[in-house]
Protein backbone atom coordinates (compact mmCIF):
# COMPACT_ATOMS: atom_id res chain seq x y z
CA MET A 1 42.21 -1.90 22.97
CA LEU A 2 45.01 -1.87 20.40
CA ILE A 3 44.02 0.50 17.59
CA PRO A 4 44.87 -0.92 14.14
CA ASP A 5 47.05 0.99 11.73
CA PHE A 6 44.94 3.39 9.67
CA GLU A 7 46.05 5.28 6.57
CA ILE A 8 44.15 7.98 4.71
CA VAL A 9 44.52 8.14 0.93
CA ARG A 10 42.81 10.38 -1.58
CA TYR A 11 40.31 8.81 -3.96
CA SER A 12 41.17 8.53 -7.63
CA PRO A 13 39.08 7.05 -10.48
CA SER A 14 41.17 3.87 -10.41
CA PHE A 15 39.50 3.10 -7.06
CA ALA A 16 35.94 3.42 -8.45
CA SER A 17 35.02 -0.28 -8.39
CA GLU A 18 36.57 -0.76 -4.97
CA TRP A 19 34.74 2.33 -3.68
CA ASP A 20 31.36 1.02 -4.86
CA ARG A 21 31.99 -2.42 -3.34
CA MET A 22 32.76 -0.76 -0.03
CA VAL A 23 29.52 1.26 -0.19
CA ASP A 24 27.55 -1.97 -0.78
CA ALA A 25 29.30 -3.74 2.10
CA SER A 26 29.01 -0.84 4.57
CA LYS A 27 26.47 -0.39 7.34
CA ASN A 28 25.32 3.08 6.28
CA GLY A 29 26.01 3.56 2.57
CA THR A 30 23.39 4.10 -0.14
CA PHE A 31 23.53 4.33 -3.93
CA LEU A 32 23.85 8.14 -3.70
CA LEU A 33 27.37 7.54 -2.42
CA LYS A 34 28.44 5.39 -5.36
CA ARG A 35 30.68 6.98 -7.93
CA GLY A 36 28.09 6.73 -10.72
CA TYR A 37 25.86 9.05 -8.72
CA MET A 38 28.46 11.30 -7.11
CA ASP A 39 30.36 11.96 -10.32
CA TYR A 40 27.43 13.07 -12.48
CA HIS A 41 28.15 16.65 -11.38
CA ALA A 42 31.92 16.31 -11.06
CA ASP A 43 32.31 19.46 -13.17
CA ARG A 44 30.64 21.53 -10.42
CA PHE A 45 32.62 20.24 -7.45
CA SER A 46 36.30 19.69 -6.78
CA ASP A 47 36.24 16.09 -5.56
CA HIS A 48 38.47 15.31 -2.61
CA SER A 49 36.97 12.04 -1.42
CA LEU A 50 39.02 9.95 0.98
CA ILE A 51 39.57 6.25 1.61
CA ILE A 52 40.55 5.13 5.10
CA LEU A 53 42.64 1.97 4.98
CA ARG A 54 42.90 -0.43 7.93
CA ASN A 55 46.00 -2.56 7.72
CA GLY A 56 46.13 -1.73 4.01
CA LEU A 57 42.47 -2.56 3.21
CA PRO A 58 39.50 -0.14 2.78
CA TYR A 59 37.70 0.25 6.09
CA ALA A 60 35.83 3.54 5.66
CA LEU A 61 35.08 6.13 2.98
CA LEU A 62 34.52 9.86 3.13
CA PRO A 63 32.75 11.35 0.09
CA GLY A 64 33.96 14.91 -0.01
CA CYS A 65 34.91 17.98 -1.99
CA ALA A 66 37.03 21.08 -1.59
CA CYS A 67 35.36 24.49 -1.37
CA GLY A 68 38.31 26.83 -0.90
CA GLN A 69 39.67 26.17 2.59
CA THR A 70 36.50 24.30 3.56
CA TYR A 71 36.21 20.54 3.23
CA SER A 72 32.60 19.45 2.69
CA SER A 73 31.21 15.93 2.91
CA HIS A 74 29.70 16.33 0.30
CA ALA A 75 28.47 19.71 -0.99
CA GLY A 76 26.63 18.11 -3.91
CA LEU A 77 24.76 15.47 -1.90
CA THR A 78 21.94 15.41 0.63
CA TYR A 79 24.22 13.47 2.96
CA GLY A 80 27.71 12.09 2.70
CA GLY A 81 29.44 11.41 6.00
CA LEU A 82 31.85 8.63 6.91
CA ILE A 83 30.78 5.34 5.29
CA LEU A 84 31.73 2.56 7.69
CA ASN A 85 32.69 -1.08 7.68
CA LYS A 86 30.13 -3.14 9.61
CA LYS A 87 32.78 -3.99 12.20
CA ALA A 88 33.77 -0.37 12.90
CA THR A 89 33.76 0.50 16.61
CA VAL A 90 33.43 3.78 18.51
CA GLU A 91 37.08 3.80 19.55
CA GLU A 92 38.23 3.17 16.00
CA VAL A 93 36.04 5.91 14.54
CA CYS A 94 37.18 8.41 17.17
CA HIS A 95 40.76 7.60 16.17
CA ILE A 96 39.88 7.93 12.47
CA PHE A 97 38.47 11.41 13.09
CA ILE A 98 41.67 12.50 14.82
CA LEU A 99 43.61 11.31 11.79
CA LEU A 100 41.11 13.01 9.45
CA LYS A 101 41.46 16.30 11.29
CA ASP A 102 45.25 16.13 10.96
CA TYR A 103 45.05 15.12 7.28
CA LEU A 104 42.68 17.98 6.41
CA ARG A 105 44.76 20.56 8.23
CA ARG A 106 47.90 19.43 6.42
CA ALA A 107 45.97 19.59 3.12
CA GLY A 108 45.23 23.28 3.73
CA PHE A 109 41.66 23.11 5.04
CA ASN A 110 40.54 25.06 8.11
CA THR A 111 36.89 23.95 8.35
CA LEU A 112 35.02 20.66 7.99
CA ILE A 113 31.37 20.69 6.93
CA TYR A 114 29.97 17.24 7.70
CA LYS A 115 26.60 15.81 6.67
CA PRO A 116 26.13 12.36 8.23
CA VAL A 117 23.88 9.72 6.72
CA PRO A 118 20.59 9.94 8.72
CA HIS A 119 20.02 6.94 10.96
CA ILE A 120 16.94 5.73 9.08
CA TYR A 121 19.25 4.66 6.24
CA HIS A 122 21.53 2.55 8.45
CA THR A 123 21.38 -1.22 8.09
CA LEU A 124 23.22 -1.43 11.42
CA PRO A 125 23.67 1.27 14.08
CA ALA A 126 26.27 3.65 12.68
CA GLU A 127 26.41 6.85 14.71
CA GLU A 128 30.00 6.45 15.84
CA ASP A 129 30.79 9.53 13.75
CA LEU A 130 28.36 11.70 15.72
CA TYR A 131 30.07 10.78 18.98
CA ALA A 132 33.50 11.42 17.47
CA LEU A 133 32.36 14.84 16.25
CA PHE A 134 31.04 15.69 19.72
CA ARG A 135 34.37 14.71 21.24
CA LEU A 136 36.16 17.07 18.86
CA GLY A 137 33.83 20.00 19.61
CA ALA A 138 31.78 20.10 16.41
CA SER A 139 28.54 22.08 16.36
CA VAL A 140 25.26 21.77 14.48
CA ALA A 141 25.29 24.26 11.62
CA ALA A 142 22.02 23.25 9.93
CA ARG A 143 19.05 21.06 10.80
CA ASN A 144 16.48 20.24 8.15
CA VAL A 145 13.37 18.36 9.19
CA SER A 146 12.02 15.55 7.05
CA SER A 147 8.68 13.76 7.42
CA VAL A 148 8.91 9.97 7.73
CA ILE A 149 6.53 7.05 8.14
CA TYR A 150 7.69 4.02 10.12
CA ARG A 151 6.11 0.99 8.53
CA GLU A 152 5.96 -0.84 11.86
CA ASN A 153 3.84 1.90 13.43
CA PRO A 154 2.10 4.03 10.77
CA LEU A 155 -0.40 6.79 11.35
CA LYS A 156 -3.61 7.03 9.37
CA PHE A 157 -4.00 9.67 6.65
CA ARG A 158 -5.76 12.82 7.82
CA ASP A 159 -9.32 13.28 6.62
CA ILE A 160 -8.28 15.98 4.14
CA ARG A 161 -5.89 13.53 2.47
CA LYS A 162 -8.49 10.75 2.46
CA SER A 163 -10.92 13.16 0.85
CA GLY A 164 -8.40 13.88 -1.88
CA VAL A 165 -7.98 10.16 -2.55
CA ARG A 166 -11.74 9.73 -2.92
CA LYS A 167 -11.99 12.78 -5.17
CA ALA A 168 -9.23 11.55 -7.49
CA SER A 169 -10.72 8.06 -7.61
CA LYS A 170 -14.15 9.40 -8.55
CA LYS A 171 -12.57 11.41 -11.37
CA GLY A 172 -11.07 8.18 -12.72
CA LEU A 173 -7.41 9.10 -12.17
CA THR A 174 -4.93 6.23 -12.30
CA VAL A 175 -1.43 5.72 -10.91
CA SER A 176 1.47 3.92 -12.56
CA ARG A 177 5.22 3.91 -12.86
CA THR A 178 6.43 5.80 -15.93
CA THR A 179 9.64 6.73 -17.69
CA ASP A 180 8.22 10.05 -18.93
CA LEU A 181 10.50 12.29 -16.91
CA ALA A 182 10.15 15.04 -19.53
CA SER A 183 6.43 15.54 -18.83
CA PHE A 184 6.99 15.54 -15.09
CA TRP A 185 9.90 18.00 -15.38
CA GLN A 186 7.58 20.43 -17.15
CA ILE A 187 5.16 20.29 -14.22
CA LEU A 188 7.95 20.47 -11.64
CA SER A 189 9.87 23.28 -13.31
CA ARG A 190 6.74 25.39 -13.77
CA ASN A 191 5.77 25.03 -10.11
CA LEU A 192 9.25 25.84 -8.80
CA GLN A 193 9.55 28.86 -11.07
CA ASP A 194 6.09 30.20 -10.16
CA LYS A 195 6.50 29.65 -6.38
CA TYR A 196 10.18 30.28 -5.74
CA GLY A 197 11.72 31.60 -8.94
CA ALA A 198 13.91 28.50 -8.89
CA ALA A 199 14.69 25.41 -10.96
CA PRO A 200 15.01 21.76 -9.90
CA VAL A 201 18.38 20.83 -8.40
CA HIS A 202 18.80 18.29 -11.20
CA SER A 203 18.28 19.16 -14.84
CA LEU A 204 16.11 16.82 -16.90
CA ASP A 205 19.21 15.46 -18.64
CA GLU A 206 20.89 14.79 -15.30
CA MET A 207 17.90 12.97 -13.88
CA GLU A 208 17.51 10.87 -17.02
CA LEU A 209 21.19 9.97 -16.78
CA LEU A 210 20.94 8.99 -13.11
CA ALA A 211 17.75 6.99 -13.67
CA SER A 212 19.49 5.07 -16.45
CA ARG A 213 22.46 4.35 -14.18
CA PHE A 214 20.32 3.28 -11.21
CA PRO A 215 17.07 1.85 -12.62
CA GLY A 216 16.49 -0.21 -9.49
CA ASN A 217 16.87 2.82 -7.22
CA ILE A 218 15.33 5.77 -9.05
CA ALA A 219 11.75 5.68 -10.30
CA LEU A 220 9.01 8.09 -11.37
CA TYR A 221 5.37 7.42 -10.50
CA GLY A 222 2.61 9.48 -12.05
CA ALA A 223 -1.06 10.17 -11.54
CA PHE A 224 -2.87 10.31 -14.88
CA ASN A 225 -6.14 11.45 -16.36
CA GLU A 226 -6.16 8.99 -19.24
CA ALA A 227 -2.78 9.71 -20.90
CA GLU A 228 -2.21 13.13 -19.33
CA MET A 229 0.14 13.30 -16.35
CA LEU A 230 -1.34 15.46 -13.60
CA ALA A 231 1.18 14.76 -10.82
CA GLY A 232 4.37 12.87 -10.24
CA VAL A 233 6.79 11.71 -7.57
CA VAL A 234 10.43 10.73 -8.14
CA VAL A 235 11.45 8.21 -5.50
CA TYR A 236 14.90 7.08 -4.42
CA VAL A 237 14.77 3.49 -3.18
CA THR A 238 17.42 2.28 -0.73
CA PRO A 239 17.49 -0.88 1.42
CA ARG A 240 15.59 0.70 4.33
CA VAL A 241 14.12 3.93 2.98
CA VAL A 242 11.92 5.05 0.10
CA HIS A 243 12.66 8.76 -0.24
CA THR A 244 10.65 11.22 -2.33
CA GLN A 245 13.23 13.30 -4.20
CA TYR A 246 10.70 15.39 -6.16
CA ILE A 247 6.95 15.93 -5.71
CA SER A 248 4.80 18.08 -7.97
CA ALA A 249 1.34 18.42 -9.49
CA SER A 250 -0.18 20.56 -12.23
CA PRO A 251 -2.99 22.99 -11.34
CA GLU A 252 -5.47 20.41 -12.66
CA GLY A 253 -3.76 17.72 -10.60
CA LYS A 254 -3.95 19.78 -7.42
CA ASP A 255 -7.64 20.41 -7.97
CA ALA A 256 -8.29 16.70 -8.61
CA GLY A 257 -6.42 15.34 -5.56
CA ALA A 258 -3.84 13.65 -7.77
CA LEU A 259 -1.02 13.70 -5.20
CA ASP A 260 -3.30 12.24 -2.53
CA LEU A 261 -4.11 9.31 -4.79
CA LEU A 262 -0.47 8.95 -5.77
CA PHE A 263 0.77 8.81 -2.18
CA ASP A 264 -2.02 6.46 -1.19
CA HIS A 265 -0.72 4.07 -3.84
CA LEU A 266 2.96 4.51 -2.95
CA VAL A 267 2.54 4.20 0.81
CA HIS A 268 -0.12 1.49 0.99
CA SER A 269 0.60 -0.59 -2.13
CA GLU A 270 3.83 -0.04 -4.06
CA PHE A 271 6.15 0.32 -1.07
CA ASN A 272 4.06 -1.08 1.75
CA GLU A 273 6.93 -3.27 2.94
CA ALA A 274 9.63 -0.58 3.08
CA PRO A 275 10.71 0.04 6.71
CA CYS A 276 10.63 3.83 6.19
CA PHE A 277 8.88 6.14 3.75
CA ASP A 278 10.54 9.56 3.72
CA PHE A 279 8.62 12.51 2.24
CA GLY A 280 11.70 14.74 2.32
CA THR A 281 12.51 18.01 4.03
CA SER A 282 10.36 21.14 4.24
CA ASN A 283 12.97 23.78 5.03
CA GLU A 284 15.01 26.62 3.67
CA ASN A 285 18.00 28.53 5.02
CA GLY A 286 19.60 25.55 6.74
CA GLY A 287 16.38 24.64 8.52
CA ARG A 288 15.75 28.05 10.03
CA PHE A 289 12.68 28.55 7.85
CA LEU A 290 9.91 25.95 7.99
CA ASN A 291 7.51 25.70 5.05
CA THR A 292 4.43 25.08 7.16
CA SER A 293 2.03 24.41 4.28
CA LEU A 294 4.40 21.86 2.75
CA ILE A 295 5.03 19.99 5.98
CA TYR A 296 1.30 20.06 6.78
CA GLN A 297 0.69 18.13 3.58
CA LYS A 298 3.38 15.57 4.40
CA GLU A 299 2.24 15.15 7.99
CA GLY A 300 -1.26 14.63 6.64
CA PHE A 301 0.01 11.37 5.13
CA GLY A 302 1.34 10.28 8.52
CA GLY A 303 4.90 11.57 8.30
CA ARG A 304 6.68 12.67 11.47
CA ALA A 305 10.00 14.38 12.06
CA ILE A 306 13.48 13.06 11.32
CA CYS A 307 16.38 15.52 11.19
CA TYR A 308 18.97 15.78 8.43
CA ASP A 309 21.80 17.54 10.24
CA THR A 310 24.94 19.35 9.13
CA TYR A 311 27.90 19.79 11.48
CA THR A 312 30.81 22.17 11.35
CA LEU A 313 34.22 21.57 12.89
CA ASN A 314 37.05 24.06 13.08
CA LEU A 315 40.26 22.32 12.15
């Protein structure tokens, strides 16, 4: 096969519209990889995203940033590997990675940290990058396990989760979509501080900004006792996956089974046609620590394991 001419150019803001169009037209891009999402924390990361041109036209994108002599794709995102044209082939992507390796070395990087888009998000098979990484000798540096429901073959809720749904229903709790991120952030922040001494990855202002930029993709659903929010879930909606970005309940909500009722609504009613429902990861330390109580809850709703991997490649 004759390999087309590829050229790698660095992203600049003048390419923003073209970048977003490429994400929409790709076989593995999501709204997280659009500039309106990536750039909300541009002050915290030194952007070094790349555009791969094929015969002068965008053919692939690499969301990335510089961290000293390490190139990360992308340090501020859950995933951010090579975003591919629907026509991209294995041979082409292998060639692109050879060019990428040369480009990054010449730019002064000695290590590539690569976080591919998990396959559940792909609208077409798009793991050419994983094969190319294998060919170049990359290794798995981190493996976080997420809990996912396949709509075509779901498992039933465990009895403990069904019991929580019944309990919340008897107490008269209701579920609805809400824009009250401030109330939820109070619940979430208190729980993270009490359990882990930590804060949410996103500040309230950041999440409100992102929700305003992507109202069709980011939504908050709450479980309420009359007007009081007892639990909430922030979901990220993409063409194939509904992903829970944040989950939290107040002490009263935990006692009342509020999250059980909330997930019963999300899984069986609100998003019952989504191909995949992703409860998110349950790990720390690059996947080496498994939060068994957290994943037990998610598996109780029928979720089973999908890996979010990170690769490292010496340049």
